[in-house]
Amino acid sequence: MEFLDFGDMPKMTPIIGKLPKLGTNKADILMFLLSGDQPTNKQMGNKLDCVSSAARICELRQDGWLIEAHKIPYRTEMGKDVYYCKYYIMNLQDVLTHPRVQQFIEWHRKRKQ
């Protein structure tokens, strides 16, 4: 039986989603995630002034971004057990090496100056 050696194969380019238009809540949330933060909906609402961040996360997922949510149990002041989510991009280090992502980050930073 013969085995194939895949050692010479080029590294696959990480899959990235569609990049959002600059100046939108989606772009701001994506930048937040690309910075390595794991924000909650409340944090995104406070820092980015985005009321419906969960909807924007859903749209980014539909655009092809691999965004995961880490559910954290929490007990409210009324004693109710609930969960809140911290969001993050899977394989972030690979995504950050993509030229289109690097260009998006640069454009976003220039726009914010």
C-alpha atoms as a PDB file:
ATOM      1  CA  MET A   1       0.000   0.000   0.000  1.00  0.00           C
ATOM      2  CA  GLU A   2       1.324   3.449  -0.930  1.00  0.00           C
ATOM      3  CA  PHE A   3       0.822   6.560   1.188  1.00  0.00           C
ATOM      4  CA  LEU A   4       0.775  10.066  -0.221  1.00  0.00           C
ATOM      5  CA  ASP A   5       3.041  12.687   1.301  1.00  0.00           C
ATOM      6  CA  PHE A   6       1.193  15.977   1.710  1.00  0.00           C
ATOM      7  CA  GLY A   7       4.207  17.792   3.170  1.00  0.00           C
ATOM      8  CA  ASP A   8       4.727  19.905   0.028  1.00  0.00           C
ATOM      9  CA  MET A   9       1.150  21.141  -0.178  1.00  0.00           C
ATOM     10  CA  PRO A  10       0.753  24.902   0.285  1.00  0.00           C
ATOM     11  CA  LYS A  11      -0.971  26.081   3.430  1.00  0.00           C
ATOM     12  CA  MET A  12      -4.638  26.714   2.765  1.00  0.00           C
ATOM     13  CA  THR A  13      -5.852  30.294   2.941  1.00  0.00           C
ATOM     14  CA  PRO A  14      -8.208  30.680   5.896  1.00  0.00           C
ATOM     15  CA  ILE A  15     -11.829  31.115   5.008  1.00  0.00           C
ATOM     16  CA  ILE A  16     -13.076  34.573   5.796  1.00  0.00           C
ATOM     17  CA  GLY A  17     -16.519  35.995   5.435  1.00  0.00           C
ATOM     18  CA  LYS A  18     -17.767  38.914   3.422  1.00  0.00           C
ATOM     19  CA  LEU A  19     -16.281  42.138   4.744  1.00  0.00           C
ATOM     20  CA  PRO A  20     -18.886  44.660   5.937  1.00  0.00           C
ATOM     21  CA  LYS A  21     -19.093  48.260   4.797  1.00  0.00           C
ATOM     22  CA  LEU A  22     -16.936  50.606   6.873  1.00  0.00           C
ATOM     23  CA  GLY A  23     -18.807  52.830   9.299  1.00  0.00           C
ATOM     24  CA  THR A  24     -21.483  50.253  10.108  1.00  0.00           C
ATOM     25  CA  ASN A  25     -22.206  48.449  13.358  1.00  0.00           C
ATOM     26  CA  LYS A  26     -21.211  45.198  11.629  1.00  0.00           C
ATOM     27  CA  ALA A  27     -17.784  46.638  10.781  1.00  0.00           C
ATOM     28  CA  ASP A  28     -17.286  47.922  14.327  1.00  0.00           C
ATOM     29  CA  ILE A  29     -18.278  44.561  15.838  1.00  0.00           C
ATOM     30  CA  LEU A  30     -16.024  42.675  13.424  1.00  0.00           C
ATOM     31  CA  MET A  31     -13.100  44.939  14.393  1.00  0.00           C
ATOM     32  CA  PHE A  32     -13.881  44.314  18.063  1.00  0.00           C
ATOM     33  CA  LEU A  33     -13.703  40.554  17.409  1.00  0.00           C
ATOM     34  CA  LEU A  34     -10.599  40.813  15.204  1.00  0.00           C
ATOM     35  CA  SER A  35      -8.806  42.604  18.037  1.00  0.00           C
ATOM     36  CA  GLY A  36      -9.059  39.397  20.057  1.00  0.00           C
ATOM     37  CA  ASP A  37     -11.671  40.628  22.498  1.00  0.00           C
ATOM     38  CA  GLN A  38     -14.509  38.312  23.494  1.00  0.00           C
ATOM     39  CA  PRO A  39     -17.311  40.826  23.999  1.00  0.00           C
ATOM     40  CA  THR A  40     -20.776  40.260  25.407  1.00  0.00           C
ATOM     41  CA  ASN A  41     -23.876  41.920  23.964  1.00  0.00           C
ATOM     42  CA  LYS A  42     -23.853  44.382  26.851  1.00  0.00           C
ATOM     43  CA  GLN A  43     -20.215  45.343  26.220  1.00  0.00           C
ATOM     44  CA  MET A  44     -20.879  45.849  22.518  1.00  0.00           C
ATOM     45  CA  GLY A  45     -23.880  47.994  23.379  1.00  0.00           C
ATOM     46  CA  ASN A  46     -21.842  50.149  25.748  1.00  0.00           C
ATOM     47  CA  LYS A  47     -18.575  50.441  23.790  1.00  0.00           C
ATOM     48  CA  LEU A  48     -19.971  50.518  20.262  1.00  0.00           C
ATOM     49  CA  ASP A  49     -23.365  52.116  20.898  1.00  0.00           C
ATOM     50  CA  CYS A  50     -25.012  49.158  19.165  1.00  0.00           C
ATOM     51  CA  VAL A  51     -28.462  48.240  20.449  1.00  0.00           C
ATOM     52  CA  SER A  52     -28.935  45.032  18.450  1.00  0.00           C
ATOM     53  CA  SER A  53     -25.471  43.474  18.530  1.00  0.00           C
ATOM     54  CA  ALA A  54     -26.849  39.904  18.557  1.00  0.00           C
ATOM     55  CA  ALA A  55     -28.550  40.614  15.227  1.00  0.00           C
ATOM     56  CA  ARG A  56     -25.294  42.004  13.791  1.00  0.00           C
ATOM     57  CA  ILE A  57     -23.429  38.882  15.009  1.00  0.00           C
ATOM     58  CA  CYS A  58     -26.063  36.761  13.244  1.00  0.00           C
ATOM     59  CA  GLU A  59     -25.568  38.774  10.042  1.00  0.00           C
ATOM     60  CA  LEU A  60     -21.783  38.365  10.247  1.00  0.00           C
ATOM     61  CA  ARG A  61     -22.278  34.608  10.595  1.00  0.00           C
ATOM     62  CA  GLN A  62     -24.578  34.636   7.562  1.00  0.00           C
ATOM     63  CA  ASP A  63     -21.832  36.510   5.707  1.00  0.00           C
ATOM     64  CA  GLY A  64     -19.502  33.569   6.376  1.00  0.00           C
ATOM     65  CA  TRP A  65     -17.597  34.585   9.519  1.00  0.00           C
ATOM     66  CA  LEU A  66     -16.899  31.711  11.919  1.00  0.00           C
ATOM     67  CA  ILE A  67     -18.119  33.369  15.102  1.00  0.00           C
ATOM     68  CA  GLU A  68     -18.716  31.172  18.126  1.00  0.00           C
ATOM     69  CA  ALA A  69     -20.416  31.958  21.407  1.00  0.00           C
ATOM     70  CA  HIS A  70     -19.237  30.778  24.804  1.00  0.00           C
ATOM     71  CA  LYS A  71     -22.280  30.553  27.092  1.00  0.00           C
ATOM     72  CA  ILE A  72     -21.679  31.583  30.679  1.00  0.00           C
ATOM     73  CA  PRO A  73     -24.220  30.764  33.408  1.00  0.00           C
ATOM     74  CA  TYR A  74     -25.357  33.648  35.560  1.00  0.00           C
ATOM     75  CA  ARG A  75     -27.880  34.107  38.358  1.00  0.00           C
ATOM     76  CA  THR A  76     -29.871  37.341  38.290  1.00  0.00           C
ATOM     77  CA  GLU A  77     -30.675  39.440  41.349  1.00  0.00           C
ATOM     78  CA  MET A  78     -34.125  37.840  41.280  1.00  0.00           C
ATOM     79  CA  GLY A  79     -32.555  34.368  41.522  1.00  0.00           C
ATOM     80  CA  LYS A  80     -33.253  33.349  37.935  1.00  0.00           C
ATOM     81  CA  ASP A  81     -30.610  31.200  36.219  1.00  0.00           C
ATOM     82  CA  VAL A  82     -29.749  32.585  32.784  1.00  0.00           C
ATOM     83  CA  TYR A  83     -26.874  32.553  30.299  1.00  0.00           C
ATOM     84  CA  TYR A  84     -24.994  35.317  28.590  1.00  0.00           C
ATOM     85  CA  CYS A  85     -22.629  34.851  25.665  1.00  0.00           C
ATOM     86  CA  LYS A  86     -19.084  35.914  24.933  1.00  0.00           C
ATOM     87  CA  TYR A  87     -18.396  35.951  21.198  1.00  0.00           C
ATOM     88  CA  TYR A  88     -15.129  35.140  19.441  1.00  0.00           C
ATOM     89  CA  ILE A  89     -13.801  34.320  15.972  1.00  0.00           C
ATOM     90  CA  MET A  90     -12.593  30.765  15.489  1.00  0.00           C
ATOM     91  CA  ASN A  91      -9.020  30.401  14.183  1.00  0.00           C
ATOM     92  CA  LEU A  92      -8.436  34.108  14.742  1.00  0.00           C
ATOM     93  CA  GLN A  93      -4.663  33.909  14.224  1.00  0.00           C
ATOM     94  CA  ASP A  94      -5.159  32.364  10.777  1.00  0.00           C
ATOM     95  CA  VAL A  95      -7.864  34.867   9.851  1.00  0.00           C
ATOM     96  CA  LEU A  96      -5.599  37.782  10.792  1.00  0.00           C
ATOM     97  CA  THR A  97      -2.999  36.656   8.235  1.00  0.00           C
ATOM     98  CA  HIS A  98      -5.432  37.008   5.326  1.00  0.00           C
ATOM     99  CA  PRO A  99      -4.525  40.024   3.121  1.00  0.00           C
ATOM    100  CA  ARG A 100      -8.140  41.200   2.796  1.00  0.00           C
ATOM    101  CA  VAL A 101      -8.556  41.154   6.578  1.00  0.00           C
ATOM    102  CA  GLN A 102      -5.306  43.082   7.048  1.00  0.00           C
ATOM    103  CA  GLN A 103      -6.489  45.658   4.512  1.00  0.00           C
ATOM    104  CA  PHE A 104      -9.887  45.931   6.248  1.00  0.00           C
ATOM    105  CA  ILE A 105      -8.178  46.536   9.615  1.00  0.00           C
ATOM    106  CA  GLU A 106      -5.961  49.240   8.093  1.00  0.00           C
ATOM    107  CA  TRP A 107      -8.923  50.991   6.418  1.00  0.00           C
ATOM    108  CA  HIS A 108     -10.936  50.839   9.640  1.00  0.00           C
ATOM    109  CA  ARG A 109      -8.073  52.334  11.676  1.00  0.00           C
ATOM    110  CA  LYS A 110      -7.572  55.159   9.164  1.00  0.00           C
ATOM    111  CA  ARG A 111     -11.288  55.914   9.207  1.00  0.00           C
ATOM    112  CA  LYS A 112     -11.323  56.156  13.016  1.00  0.00           C
ATOM    113  CA  GLN A 113      -8.423  58.657  13.127  1.00  0.00           C
END
